């Protein structure tokens, strides 16, 4: 169920200051 509820993060994201990336 948890896997169904999340989307893939961007493969180009860098983990730096990722408030927006984590929400994506």
PDBML (XML) file of the C-alpha atoms, coordinates in Angstrom:
<?xml version="1.0" encoding="UTF-8" ?>
<PDBx:datablock datablockName="MODEL"
   xmlns:PDBx="http://pdbml.pdb.org/schema/pdbx-v50.xsd"
   xmlns:xsi="http://www.w3.org/2001/XMLSchema-instance"
   xsi:schemaLocation="http://pdbml.pdb.org/schema/pdbx-v50.xsd pdbx-v50.xsd">
   <PDBx:atom_siteCategory>
      <PDBx:atom_site id="1">
         <PDBx:B_iso_or_equiv>0.00</PDBx:B_iso_or_equiv>
         <PDBx:Cartn_x>0.000</PDBx:Cartn_x>
         <PDBx:Cartn_y>0.000</PDBx:Cartn_y>
         <PDBx:Cartn_z>0.000</PDBx:Cartn_z>
         <PDBx:auth_asym_id>A</PDBx:auth_asym_id>
         <PDBx:auth_atom_id>CA</PDBx:auth_atom_id>
         <PDBx:auth_comp_id>UNK</PDBx:auth_comp_id>
         <PDBx:auth_seq_id>1</PDBx:auth_seq_id>
         <PDBx:group_PDB>ATOM</PDBx:group_PDB>
         <PDBx:label_alt_id xsi:nil="true" />
         <PDBx:label_asym_id>A</PDBx:label_asym_id>
         <PDBx:label_atom_id>CA</PDBx:label_atom_id>
         <PDBx:label_comp_id>UNK</PDBx:label_comp_id>
         <PDBx:label_entity_id>1</PDBx:label_entity_id>
         <PDBx:label_seq_id>1</PDBx:label_seq_id>
         <PDBx:occupancy>1.00</PDBx:occupancy>
         <PDBx:pdbx_PDB_model_num>1</PDBx:pdbx_PDB_model_num>
         <PDBx:type_symbol>C</PDBx:type_symbol>
      </PDBx:atom_site>
      <PDBx:atom_site id="2">
         <PDBx:B_iso_or_equiv>0.00</PDBx:B_iso_or_equiv>
         <PDBx:Cartn_x>2.819</PDBx:Cartn_x>
         <PDBx:Cartn_y>2.422</PDBx:Cartn_y>
         <PDBx:Cartn_z>0.885</PDBx:Cartn_z>
         <PDBx:auth_asym_id>A</PDBx:auth_asym_id>
         <PDBx:auth_atom_id>CA</PDBx:auth_atom_id>
         <PDBx:auth_comp_id>UNK</PDBx:auth_comp_id>
         <PDBx:auth_seq_id>2</PDBx:auth_seq_id>
         <PDBx:group_PDB>ATOM</PDBx:group_PDB>
         <PDBx:label_alt_id xsi:nil="true" />
         <PDBx:label_asym_id>A</PDBx:label_asym_id>
         <PDBx:label_atom_id>CA</PDBx:label_atom_id>
         <PDBx:label_comp_id>UNK</PDBx:label_comp_id>
         <PDBx:label_entity_id>1</PDBx:label_entity_id>
         <PDBx:label_seq_id>2</PDBx:label_seq_id>
         <PDBx:occupancy>1.00</PDBx:occupancy>
         <PDBx:pdbx_PDB_model_num>1</PDBx:pdbx_PDB_model_num>
         <PDBx:type_symbol>C</PDBx:type_symbol>
      </PDBx:atom_site>
      <PDBx:atom_site id="3">
         <PDBx:B_iso_or_equiv>0.00</PDBx:B_iso_or_equiv>
         <PDBx:Cartn_x>4.474</PDBx:Cartn_x>
         <PDBx:Cartn_y>1.718</PDBx:Cartn_y>
         <PDBx:Cartn_z>-2.460</PDBx:Cartn_z>
         <PDBx:auth_asym_id>A</PDBx:auth_asym_id>
         <PDBx:auth_atom_id>CA</PDBx:auth_atom_id>
         <PDBx:auth_comp_id>UNK</PDBx:auth_comp_id>
         <PDBx:auth_seq_id>3</PDBx:auth_seq_id>
         <PDBx:group_PDB>ATOM</PDBx:group_PDB>
         <PDBx:label_alt_id xsi:nil="true" />
         <PDBx:label_asym_id>A</PDBx:label_asym_id>
         <PDBx:label_atom_id>CA</PDBx:label_atom_id>
         <PDBx:label_comp_id>UNK</PDBx:label_comp_id>
         <PDBx:label_entity_id>1</PDBx:label_entity_id>
         <PDBx:label_seq_id>3</PDBx:label_seq_id>
         <PDBx:occupancy>1.00</PDBx:occupancy>
         <PDBx:pdbx_PDB_model_num>1</PDBx:pdbx_PDB_model_num>
         <PDBx:type_symbol>C</PDBx:type_symbol>
      </PDBx:atom_site>
      <PDBx:atom_site id="4">
         <PDBx:B_iso_or_equiv>0.00</PDBx:B_iso_or_equiv>
         <PDBx:Cartn_x>1.244</PDBx:Cartn_x>
         <PDBx:Cartn_y>2.569</PDBx:Cartn_y>
         <PDBx:Cartn_z>-4.258</PDBx:Cartn_z>
         <PDBx:auth_asym_id>A</PDBx:auth_asym_id>
         <PDBx:auth_atom_id>CA</PDBx:auth_atom_id>
         <PDBx:auth_comp_id>UNK</PDBx:auth_comp_id>
         <PDBx:auth_seq_id>4</PDBx:auth_seq_id>
         <PDBx:group_PDB>ATOM</PDBx:group_PDB>
         <PDBx:label_alt_id xsi:nil="true" />
         <PDBx:label_asym_id>A</PDBx:label_asym_id>
         <PDBx:label_atom_id>CA</PDBx:label_atom_id>
         <PDBx:label_comp_id>UNK</PDBx:label_comp_id>
         <PDBx:label_entity_id>1</PDBx:label_entity_id>
         <PDBx:label_seq_id>4</PDBx:label_seq_id>
         <PDBx:occupancy>1.00</PDBx:occupancy>
         <PDBx:pdbx_PDB_model_num>1</PDBx:pdbx_PDB_model_num>
         <PDBx:type_symbol>C</PDBx:type_symbol>
      </PDBx:atom_site>
      <PDBx:atom_site id="5">
         <PDBx:B_iso_or_equiv>0.00</PDBx:B_iso_or_equiv>
         <PDBx:Cartn_x>1.075</PDBx:Cartn_x>
         <PDBx:Cartn_y>5.935</PDBx:Cartn_y>
         <PDBx:Cartn_z>-2.476</PDBx:Cartn_z>
         <PDBx:auth_asym_id>A</PDBx:auth_asym_id>
         <PDBx:auth_atom_id>CA</PDBx:auth_atom_id>
         <PDBx:auth_comp_id>UNK</PDBx:auth_comp_id>
         <PDBx:auth_seq_id>5</PDBx:auth_seq_id>
         <PDBx:group_PDB>ATOM</PDBx:group_PDB>
         <PDBx:label_alt_id xsi:nil="true" />
         <PDBx:label_asym_id>A</PDBx:label_asym_id>
         <PDBx:label_atom_id>CA</PDBx:label_atom_id>
         <PDBx:label_comp_id>UNK</PDBx:label_comp_id>
         <PDBx:label_entity_id>1</PDBx:label_entity_id>
         <PDBx:label_seq_id>5</PDBx:label_seq_id>
         <PDBx:occupancy>1.00</PDBx:occupancy>
         <PDBx:pdbx_PDB_model_num>1</PDBx:pdbx_PDB_model_num>
         <PDBx:type_symbol>C</PDBx:type_symbol>
      </PDBx:atom_site>
      <PDBx:atom_site id="6">
         <PDBx:B_iso_or_equiv>0.00</PDBx:B_iso_or_equiv>
         <PDBx:Cartn_x>4.491</PDBx:Cartn_x>
         <PDBx:Cartn_y>7.305</PDBx:Cartn_y>
         <PDBx:Cartn_z>-3.449</PDBx:Cartn_z>
         <PDBx:auth_asym_id>A</PDBx:auth_asym_id>
         <PDBx:auth_atom_id>CA</PDBx:auth_atom_id>
         <PDBx:auth_comp_id>UNK</PDBx:auth_comp_id>
         <PDBx:auth_seq_id>6</PDBx:auth_seq_id>
         <PDBx:group_PDB>ATOM</PDBx:group_PDB>
         <PDBx:label_alt_id xsi:nil="true" />
         <PDBx:label_asym_id>A</PDBx:label_asym_id>
         <PDBx:label_atom_id>CA</PDBx:label_atom_id>
         <PDBx:label_comp_id>UNK</PDBx:label_comp_id>
         <PDBx:label_entity_id>1</PDBx:label_entity_id>
         <PDBx:label_seq_id>6</PDBx:label_seq_id>
         <PDBx:occupancy>1.00</PDBx:occupancy>
         <PDBx:pdbx_PDB_model_num>1</PDBx:pdbx_PDB_model_num>
         <PDBx:type_symbol>C</PDBx:type_symbol>
      </PDBx:atom_site>
      <PDBx:atom_site id="7">
         <PDBx:B_iso_or_equiv>0.00</PDBx:B_iso_or_equiv>
         <PDBx:Cartn_x>5.838</PDBx:Cartn_x>
         <PDBx:Cartn_y>8.641</PDBx:Cartn_y>
         <PDBx:Cartn_z>-6.691</PDBx:Cartn_z>
         <PDBx:auth_asym_id>A</PDBx:auth_asym_id>
         <PDBx:auth_atom_id>CA</PDBx:auth_atom_id>
         <PDBx:auth_comp_id>UNK</PDBx:auth_comp_id>
         <PDBx:auth_seq_id>7</PDBx:auth_seq_id>
         <PDBx:group_PDB>ATOM</PDBx:group_PDB>
         <PDBx:label_alt_id xsi:nil="true" />
         <PDBx:label_asym_id>A</PDBx:label_asym_id>
         <PDBx:label_atom_id>CA</PDBx:label_atom_id>
         <PDBx:label_comp_id>UNK</PDBx:label_comp_id>
         <PDBx:label_entity_id>1</PDBx:label_entity_id>
         <PDBx:label_seq_id>7</PDBx:label_seq_id>
         <PDBx:occupancy>1.00</PDBx:occupancy>
         <PDBx:pdbx_PDB_model_num>1</PDBx:pdbx_PDB_model_num>
         <PDBx:type_symbol>C</PDBx:type_symbol>
      </PDBx:atom_site>
      <PDBx:atom_site id="8">
         <PDBx:B_iso_or_equiv>0.00</PDBx:B_iso_or_equiv>
         <PDBx:Cartn_x>9.329</PDBx:Cartn_x>
         <PDBx:Cartn_y>8.222</PDBx:Cartn_y>
         <PDBx:Cartn_z>-8.034</PDBx:Cartn_z>
         <PDBx:auth_asym_id>A</PDBx:auth_asym_id>
         <PDBx:auth_atom_id>CA</PDBx:auth_atom_id>
         <PDBx:auth_comp_id>UNK</PDBx:auth_comp_id>
         <PDBx:auth_seq_id>8</PDBx:auth_seq_id>
         <PDBx:group_PDB>ATOM</PDBx:group_PDB>
         <PDBx:label_alt_id xsi:nil="true" />
         <PDBx:label_asym_id>A</PDBx:label_asym_id>
         <PDBx:label_atom_id>CA</PDBx:label_atom_id>
         <PDBx:label_comp_id>UNK</PDBx:label_comp_id>
         <PDBx:label_entity_id>1</PDBx:label_entity_id>
         <PDBx:label_seq_id>8</PDBx:label_seq_id>
         <PDBx:occupancy>1.00</PDBx:occupancy>
         <PDBx:pdbx_PDB_model_num>1</PDBx:pdbx_PDB_model_num>
         <PDBx:type_symbol>C</PDBx:type_symbol>
      </PDBx:atom_site>
      <PDBx:atom_site id="9">
         <PDBx:B_iso_or_equiv>0.00</PDBx:B_iso_or_equiv>
         <PDBx:Cartn_x>11.777</PDBx:Cartn_x>
         <PDBx:Cartn_y>10.953</PDBx:Cartn_y>
         <PDBx:Cartn_z>-6.987</PDBx:Cartn_z>
         <PDBx:auth_asym_id>A</PDBx:auth_asym_id>
         <PDBx:auth_atom_id>CA</PDBx:auth_atom_id>
         <PDBx:auth_comp_id>UNK</PDBx:auth_comp_id>
         <PDBx:auth_seq_id>9</PDBx:auth_seq_id>
         <PDBx:group_PDB>ATOM</PDBx:group_PDB>
         <PDBx:label_alt_id xsi:nil="true" />
         <PDBx:label_asym_id>A</PDBx:label_asym_id>
         <PDBx:label_atom_id>CA</PDBx:label_atom_id>
         <PDBx:label_comp_id>UNK</PDBx:label_comp_id>
         <PDBx:label_entity_id>1</PDBx:label_entity_id>
         <PDBx:label_seq_id>9</PDBx:label_seq_id>
         <PDBx:occupancy>1.00</PDBx:occupancy>
         <PDBx:pdbx_PDB_model_num>1</PDBx:pdbx_PDB_model_num>
         <PDBx:type_symbol>C</PDBx:type_symbol>
      </PDBx:atom_site>
      <PDBx:atom_site id="10">
         <PDBx:B_iso_or_equiv>0.00</PDBx:B_iso_or_equiv>
         <PDBx:Cartn_x>13.609</PDBx:Cartn_x>
         <PDBx:Cartn_y>12.659</PDBx:Cartn_y>
         <PDBx:Cartn_z>-9.819</PDBx:Cartn_z>
         <PDBx:auth_asym_id>A</PDBx:auth_asym_id>
         <PDBx:auth_atom_id>CA</PDBx:auth_atom_id>
         <PDBx:auth_comp_id>UNK</PDBx:auth_comp_id>
         <PDBx:auth_seq_id>10</PDBx:auth_seq_id>
         <PDBx:group_PDB>ATOM</PDBx:group_PDB>
         <PDBx:label_alt_id xsi:nil="true" />
         <PDBx:label_asym_id>A</PDBx:label_asym_id>
         <PDBx:label_atom_id>CA</PDBx:label_atom_id>
         <PDBx:label_comp_id>UNK</PDBx:label_comp_id>
         <PDBx:label_entity_id>1</PDBx:label_entity_id>
         <PDBx:label_seq_id>10</PDBx:label_seq_id>
         <PDBx:occupancy>1.00</PDBx:occupancy>
         <PDBx:pdbx_PDB_model_num>1</PDBx:pdbx_PDB_model_num>
         <PDBx:type_symbol>C</PDBx:type_symbol>
      </PDBx:atom_site>
      <PDBx:atom_site id="11">
         <PDBx:B_iso_or_equiv>0.00</PDBx:B_iso_or_equiv>
         <PDBx:Cartn_x>16.598</PDBx:Cartn_x>
         <PDBx:Cartn_y>10.583</PDBx:Cartn_y>
         <PDBx:Cartn_z>-10.897</PDBx:Cartn_z>
         <PDBx:auth_asym_id>A</PDBx:auth_asym_id>
         <PDBx:auth_atom_id>CA</PDBx:auth_atom_id>
         <PDBx:auth_comp_id>UNK</PDBx:auth_comp_id>
         <PDBx:auth_seq_id>11</PDBx:auth_seq_id>
         <PDBx:group_PDB>ATOM</PDBx:group_PDB>
         <PDBx:label_alt_id xsi:nil="true" />
         <PDBx:label_asym_id>A</PDBx:label_asym_id>
         <PDBx:label_atom_id>CA</PDBx:label_atom_id>
         <PDBx:label_comp_id>UNK</PDBx:label_comp_id>
         <PDBx:label_entity_id>1</PDBx:label_entity_id>
         <PDBx:label_seq_id>11</PDBx:label_seq_id>
         <PDBx:occupancy>1.00</PDBx:occupancy>
         <PDBx:pdbx_PDB_model_num>1</PDBx:pdbx_PDB_model_num>
         <PDBx:type_symbol>C</PDBx:type_symbol>
      </PDBx:atom_site>
      <PDBx:atom_site id="12">
         <PDBx:B_iso_or_equiv>0.00</PDBx:B_iso_or_equiv>
         <PDBx:Cartn_x>18.577</PDBx:Cartn_x>
         <PDBx:Cartn_y>13.791</PDBx:Cartn_y>
         <PDBx:Cartn_z>-11.265</PDBx:Cartn_z>
         <PDBx:auth_asym_id>A</PDBx:auth_asym_id>
         <PDBx:auth_atom_id>CA</PDBx:auth_atom_id>
         <PDBx:auth_comp_id>UNK</PDBx:auth_comp_id>
         <PDBx:auth_seq_id>12</PDBx:auth_seq_id>
         <PDBx:group_PDB>ATOM</PDBx:group_PDB>
         <PDBx:label_alt_id xsi:nil="true" />
         <PDBx:label_asym_id>A</PDBx:label_asym_id>
         <PDBx:label_atom_id>CA</PDBx:label_atom_id>
         <PDBx:label_comp_id>UNK</PDBx:label_comp_id>
         <PDBx:label_entity_id>1</PDBx:label_entity_id>
         <PDBx:label_seq_id>12</PDBx:label_seq_id>
         <PDBx:occupancy>1.00</PDBx:occupancy>
         <PDBx:pdbx_PDB_model_num>1</PDBx:pdbx_PDB_model_num>
         <PDBx:type_symbol>C</PDBx:type_symbol>
      </PDBx:atom_site>
      <PDBx:atom_site id="13">
         <PDBx:B_iso_or_equiv>0.00</PDBx:B_iso_or_equiv>
         <PDBx:Cartn_x>17.827</PDBx:Cartn_x>
         <PDBx:Cartn_y>15.083</PDBx:Cartn_y>
         <PDBx:Cartn_z>-7.753</PDBx:Cartn_z>
         <PDBx:auth_asym_id>A</PDBx:auth_asym_id>
         <PDBx:auth_atom_id>CA</PDBx:auth_atom_id>
         <PDBx:auth_comp_id>UNK</PDBx:auth_comp_id>
         <PDBx:auth_seq_id>13</PDBx:auth_seq_id>
         <PDBx:group_PDB>ATOM</PDBx:group_PDB>
         <PDBx:label_alt_id xsi:nil="true" />
         <PDBx:label_asym_id>A</PDBx:label_asym_id>
         <PDBx:label_atom_id>CA</PDBx:label_atom_id>
         <PDBx:label_comp_id>UNK</PDBx:label_comp_id>
         <PDBx:label_entity_id>1</PDBx:label_entity_id>
         <PDBx:label_seq_id>13</PDBx:label_seq_id>
         <PDBx:occupancy>1.00</PDBx:occupancy>
         <PDBx:pdbx_PDB_model_num>1</PDBx:pdbx_PDB_model_num>
         <PDBx:type_symbol>C</PDBx:type_symbol>
      </PDBx:atom_site>
      <PDBx:atom_site id="14">
         <PDBx:B_iso_or_equiv>0.00</PDBx:B_iso_or_equiv>
         <PDBx:Cartn_x>20.851</PDBx:Cartn_x>
         <PDBx:Cartn_y>15.680</PDBx:Cartn_y>
         <PDBx:Cartn_z>-5.578</PDBx:Cartn_z>
         <PDBx:auth_asym_id>A</PDBx:auth_asym_id>
         <PDBx:auth_atom_id>CA</PDBx:auth_atom_id>
         <PDBx:auth_comp_id>UNK</PDBx:auth_comp_id>
         <PDBx:auth_seq_id>14</PDBx:auth_seq_id>
         <PDBx:group_PDB>ATOM</PDBx:group_PDB>
         <PDBx:label_alt_id xsi:nil="true" />
         <PDBx:label_asym_id>A</PDBx:label_asym_id>
         <PDBx:label_atom_id>CA</PDBx:label_atom_id>
         <PDBx:label_comp_id>UNK</PDBx:label_comp_id>
         <PDBx:label_entity_id>1</PDBx:label_entity_id>
         <PDBx:label_seq_id>14</PDBx:label_seq_id>
         <PDBx:occupancy>1.00</PDBx:occupancy>
         <PDBx:pdbx_PDB_model_num>1</PDBx:pdbx_PDB_model_num>
         <PDBx:type_symbol>C</PDBx:type_symbol>
      </PDBx:atom_site>
      <PDBx:atom_site id="15">
         <PDBx:B_iso_or_equiv>0.00</PDBx:B_iso_or_equiv>
         <PDBx:Cartn_x>19.492</PDBx:Cartn_x>
         <PDBx:Cartn_y>15.391</PDBx:Cartn_y>
         <PDBx:Cartn_z>-2.005</PDBx:Cartn_z>
         <PDBx:auth_asym_id>A</PDBx:auth_asym_id>
         <PDBx:auth_atom_id>CA</PDBx:auth_atom_id>
         <PDBx:auth_comp_id>UNK</PDBx:auth_comp_id>
         <PDBx:auth_seq_id>15</PDBx:auth_seq_id>
         <PDBx:group_PDB>ATOM</PDBx:group_PDB>
         <PDBx:label_alt_id xsi:nil="true" />
         <PDBx:label_asym_id>A</PDBx:label_asym_id>
         <PDBx:label_atom_id>CA</PDBx:label_atom_id>
         <PDBx:label_comp_id>UNK</PDBx:label_comp_id>
         <PDBx:label_entity_id>1</PDBx:label_entity_id>
         <PDBx:label_seq_id>15</PDBx:label_seq_id>
         <PDBx:occupancy>1.00</PDBx:occupancy>
         <PDBx:pdbx_PDB_model_num>1</PDBx:pdbx_PDB_model_num>
         <PDBx:type_symbol>C</PDBx:type_symbol>
      </PDBx:atom_site>
      <PDBx:atom_site id="16">
         <PDBx:B_iso_or_equiv>0.00</PDBx:B_iso_or_equiv>
         <PDBx:Cartn_x>20.622</PDBx:Cartn_x>
         <PDBx:Cartn_y>19.006</PDBx:Cartn_y>
         <PDBx:Cartn_z>-1.415</PDBx:Cartn_z>
         <PDBx:auth_asym_id>A</PDBx:auth_asym_id>
         <PDBx:auth_atom_id>CA</PDBx:auth_atom_id>
         <PDBx:auth_comp_id>UNK</PDBx:auth_comp_id>
         <PDBx:auth_seq_id>16</PDBx:auth_seq_id>
         <PDBx:group_PDB>ATOM</PDBx:group_PDB>
         <PDBx:label_alt_id xsi:nil="true" />
         <PDBx:label_asym_id>A</PDBx:label_asym_id>
         <PDBx:label_atom_id>CA</PDBx:label_atom_id>
         <PDBx:label_comp_id>UNK</PDBx:label_comp_id>
         <PDBx:label_entity_id>1</PDBx:label_entity_id>
         <PDBx:label_seq_id>16</PDBx:label_seq_id>
         <PDBx:occupancy>1.00</PDBx:occupancy>
         <PDBx:pdbx_PDB_model_num>1</PDBx:pdbx_PDB_model_num>
         <PDBx:type_symbol>C</PDBx:type_symbol>
      </PDBx:atom_site>
      <PDBx:atom_site id="17">
         <PDBx:B_iso_or_equiv>0.00</PDBx:B_iso_or_equiv>
         <PDBx:Cartn_x>17.973</PDBx:Cartn_x>
         <PDBx:Cartn_y>21.069</PDBx:Cartn_y>
         <PDBx:Cartn_z>0.363</PDBx:Cartn_z>
         <PDBx:auth_asym_id>A</PDBx:auth_asym_id>
         <PDBx:auth_atom_id>CA</PDBx:auth_atom_id>
         <PDBx:auth_comp_id>UNK</PDBx:auth_comp_id>
         <PDBx:auth_seq_id>17</PDBx:auth_seq_id>
         <PDBx:group_PDB>ATOM</PDBx:group_PDB>
         <PDBx:label_alt_id xsi:nil="true" />
         <PDBx:label_asym_id>A</PDBx:label_asym_id>
         <PDBx:label_atom_id>CA</PDBx:label_atom_id>
         <PDBx:label_comp_id>UNK</PDBx:label_comp_id>
         <PDBx:label_entity_id>1</PDBx:label_entity_id>
         <PDBx:label_seq_id>17</PDBx:label_seq_id>
         <PDBx:occupancy>1.00</PDBx:occupancy>
         <PDBx:pdbx_PDB_model_num>1</PDBx:pdbx_PDB_model_num>
         <PDBx:type_symbol>C</PDBx:type_symbol>
      </PDBx:atom_site>
      <PDBx:atom_site id="18">
         <PDBx:B_iso_or_equiv>0.00</PDBx:B_iso_or_equiv>
         <PDBx:Cartn_x>15.341</PDBx:Cartn_x>
         <PDBx:Cartn_y>18.687</PDBx:Cartn_y>
         <PDBx:Cartn_z>-0.897</PDBx:Cartn_z>
         <PDBx:auth_asym_id>A</PDBx:auth_asym_id>
         <PDBx:auth_atom_id>CA</PDBx:auth_atom_id>
         <PDBx:auth_comp_id>UNK</PDBx:auth_comp_id>
         <PDBx:auth_seq_id>18</PDBx:auth_seq_id>
         <PDBx:group_PDB>ATOM</PDBx:group_PDB>
         <PDBx:label_alt_id xsi:nil="true" />
         <PDBx:label_asym_id>A</PDBx:label_asym_id>
         <PDBx:label_atom_id>CA</PDBx:label_atom_id>
         <PDBx:label_comp_id>UNK</PDBx:label_comp_id>
         <PDBx:label_entity_id>1</PDBx:label_entity_id>
         <PDBx:label_seq_id>18</PDBx:label_seq_id>
         <PDBx:occupancy>1.00</PDBx:occupancy>
         <PDBx:pdbx_PDB_model_num>1</PDBx:pdbx_PDB_model_num>
         <PDBx:type_symbol>C</PDBx:type_symbol>
      </PDBx:atom_site>
      <PDBx:atom_site id="19">
         <PDBx:B_iso_or_equiv>0.00</PDBx:B_iso_or_equiv>
         <PDBx:Cartn_x>12.214</PDBx:Cartn_x>
         <PDBx:Cartn_y>19.988</PDBx:Cartn_y>
         <PDBx:Cartn_z>0.732</PDBx:Cartn_z>
         <PDBx:auth_asym_id>A</PDBx:auth_asym_id>
         <PDBx:auth_atom_id>CA</PDBx:auth_atom_id>
         <PDBx:auth_comp_id>UNK</PDBx:auth_comp_id>
         <PDBx:auth_seq_id>19</PDBx:auth_seq_id>
         <PDBx:group_PDB>ATOM</PDBx:group_PDB>
         <PDBx:label_alt_id xsi:nil="true" />
         <PDBx:label_asym_id>A</PDBx:label_asym_id>
         <PDBx:label_atom_id>CA</PDBx:label_atom_id>
         <PDBx:label_comp_id>UNK</PDBx:label_comp_id>
         <PDBx:label_entity_id>1</PDBx:label_entity_id>
         <PDBx:label_seq_id>19</PDBx:label_seq_id>
         <PDBx:occupancy>1.00</PDBx:occupancy>
         <PDBx:pdbx_PDB_model_num>1</PDBx:pdbx_PDB_model_num>
         <PDBx:type_symbol>C</PDBx:type_symbol>
      </PDBx:atom_site>
      <PDBx:atom_site id="20">
         <PDBx:B_iso_or_equiv>0.00</PDBx:B_iso_or_equiv>
         <PDBx:Cartn_x>10.684</PDBx:Cartn_x>
         <PDBx:Cartn_y>20.196</PDBx:Cartn_y>
         <PDBx:Cartn_z>-2.752</PDBx:Cartn_z>
         <PDBx:auth_asym_id>A</PDBx:auth_asym_id>
         <PDBx:auth_atom_id>CA</PDBx:auth_atom_id>
         <PDBx:auth_comp_id>UNK</PDBx:auth_comp_id>
         <PDBx:auth_seq_id>20</PDBx:auth_seq_id>
         <PDBx:group_PDB>ATOM</PDBx:group_PDB>
         <PDBx:label_alt_id xsi:nil="true" />
         <PDBx:label_asym_id>A</PDBx:label_asym_id>
         <PDBx:label_atom_id>CA</PDBx:label_atom_id>
         <PDBx:label_comp_id>UNK</PDBx:label_comp_id>
         <PDBx:label_entity_id>1</PDBx:label_entity_id>
         <PDBx:label_seq_id>20</PDBx:label_seq_id>
         <PDBx:occupancy>1.00</PDBx:occupancy>
         <PDBx:pdbx_PDB_model_num>1</PDBx:pdbx_PDB_model_num>
         <PDBx:type_symbol>C</PDBx:type_symbol>
      </PDBx:atom_site>
      <PDBx:atom_site id="21">
         <PDBx:B_iso_or_equiv>0.00</PDBx:B_iso_or_equiv>
         <PDBx:Cartn_x>12.235</PDBx:Cartn_x>
         <PDBx:Cartn_y>16.988</PDBx:Cartn_y>
         <PDBx:Cartn_z>-4.070</PDBx:Cartn_z>
         <PDBx:auth_asym_id>A</PDBx:auth_asym_id>
         <PDBx:auth_atom_id>CA</PDBx:auth_atom_id>
         <PDBx:auth_comp_id>UNK</PDBx:auth_comp_id>
         <PDBx:auth_seq_id>21</PDBx:auth_seq_id>
         <PDBx:group_PDB>ATOM</PDBx:group_PDB>
         <PDBx:label_alt_id xsi:nil="true" />
         <PDBx:label_asym_id>A</PDBx:label_asym_id>
         <PDBx:label_atom_id>CA</PDBx:label_atom_id>
         <PDBx:label_comp_id>UNK</PDBx:label_comp_id>
         <PDBx:label_entity_id>1</PDBx:label_entity_id>
         <PDBx:label_seq_id>21</PDBx:label_seq_id>
         <PDBx:occupancy>1.00</PDBx:occupancy>
         <PDBx:pdbx_PDB_model_num>1</PDBx:pdbx_PDB_model_num>
         <PDBx:type_symbol>C</PDBx:type_symbol>
      </PDBx:atom_site>
      <PDBx:atom_site id="22">
         <PDBx:B_iso_or_equiv>0.00</PDBx:B_iso_or_equiv>
         <PDBx:Cartn_x>11.086</PDBx:Cartn_x>
         <PDBx:Cartn_y>15.013</PDBx:Cartn_y>
         <PDBx:Cartn_z>-1.046</PDBx:Cartn_z>
         <PDBx:auth_asym_id>A</PDBx:auth_asym_id>
         <PDBx:auth_atom_id>CA</PDBx:auth_atom_id>
         <PDBx:auth_comp_id>UNK</PDBx:auth_comp_id>
         <PDBx:auth_seq_id>22</PDBx:auth_seq_id>
         <PDBx:group_PDB>ATOM</PDBx:group_PDB>
         <PDBx:label_alt_id xsi:nil="true" />
         <PDBx:label_asym_id>A</PDBx:label_asym_id>
         <PDBx:label_atom_id>CA</PDBx:label_atom_id>
         <PDBx:label_comp_id>UNK</PDBx:label_comp_id>
         <PDBx:label_entity_id>1</PDBx:label_entity_id>
         <PDBx:label_seq_id>22</PDBx:label_seq_id>
         <PDBx:occupancy>1.00</PDBx:occupancy>
         <PDBx:pdbx_PDB_model_num>1</PDBx:pdbx_PDB_model_num>
         <PDBx:type_symbol>C</PDBx:type_symbol>
      </PDBx:atom_site>
      <PDBx:atom_site id="23">
         <PDBx:B_iso_or_equiv>0.00</PDBx:B_iso_or_equiv>
         <PDBx:Cartn_x>7.577</PDBx:Cartn_x>
         <PDBx:Cartn_y>16.333</PDBx:Cartn_y>
         <PDBx:Cartn_z>-1.480</PDBx:Cartn_z>
         <PDBx:auth_asym_id>A</PDBx:auth_asym_id>
         <PDBx:auth_atom_id>CA</PDBx:auth_atom_id>
         <PDBx:auth_comp_id>UNK</PDBx:auth_comp_id>
         <PDBx:auth_seq_id>23</PDBx:auth_seq_id>
         <PDBx:group_PDB>ATOM</PDBx:group_PDB>
         <PDBx:label_alt_id xsi:nil="true" />
         <PDBx:label_asym_id>A</PDBx:label_asym_id>
         <PDBx:label_atom_id>CA</PDBx:label_atom_id>
         <PDBx:label_comp_id>UNK</PDBx:label_comp_id>
         <PDBx:label_entity_id>1</PDBx:label_entity_id>
         <PDBx:label_seq_id>23</PDBx:label_seq_id>
         <PDBx:occupancy>1.00</PDBx:occupancy>
         <PDBx:pdbx_PDB_model_num>1</PDBx:pdbx_PDB_model_num>
         <PDBx:type_symbol>C</PDBx:type_symbol>
      </PDBx:atom_site>
      <PDBx:atom_site id="24">
         <PDBx:B_iso_or_equiv>0.00</PDBx:B_iso_or_equiv>
         <PDBx:Cartn_x>7.644</PDBx:Cartn_x>
         <PDBx:Cartn_y>15.360</PDBx:Cartn_y>
         <PDBx:Cartn_z>-5.149</PDBx:Cartn_z>
         <PDBx:auth_asym_id>A</PDBx:auth_asym_id>
         <PDBx:auth_atom_id>CA</PDBx:auth_atom_id>
         <PDBx:auth_comp_id>UNK</PDBx:auth_comp_id>
         <PDBx:auth_seq_id>24</PDBx:auth_seq_id>
         <PDBx:group_PDB>ATOM</PDBx:group_PDB>
         <PDBx:label_alt_id xsi:nil="true" />
         <PDBx:label_asym_id>A</PDBx:label_asym_id>
         <PDBx:label_atom_id>CA</PDBx:label_atom_id>
         <PDBx:label_comp_id>UNK</PDBx:label_comp_id>
         <PDBx:label_entity_id>1</PDBx:label_entity_id>
         <PDBx:label_seq_id>24</PDBx:label_seq_id>
         <PDBx:occupancy>1.00</PDBx:occupancy>
         <PDBx:pdbx_PDB_model_num>1</PDBx:pdbx_PDB_model_num>
         <PDBx:type_symbol>C</PDBx:type_symbol>
      </PDBx:atom_site>
   </PDBx:atom_siteCategory>
</PDBx:datablock>
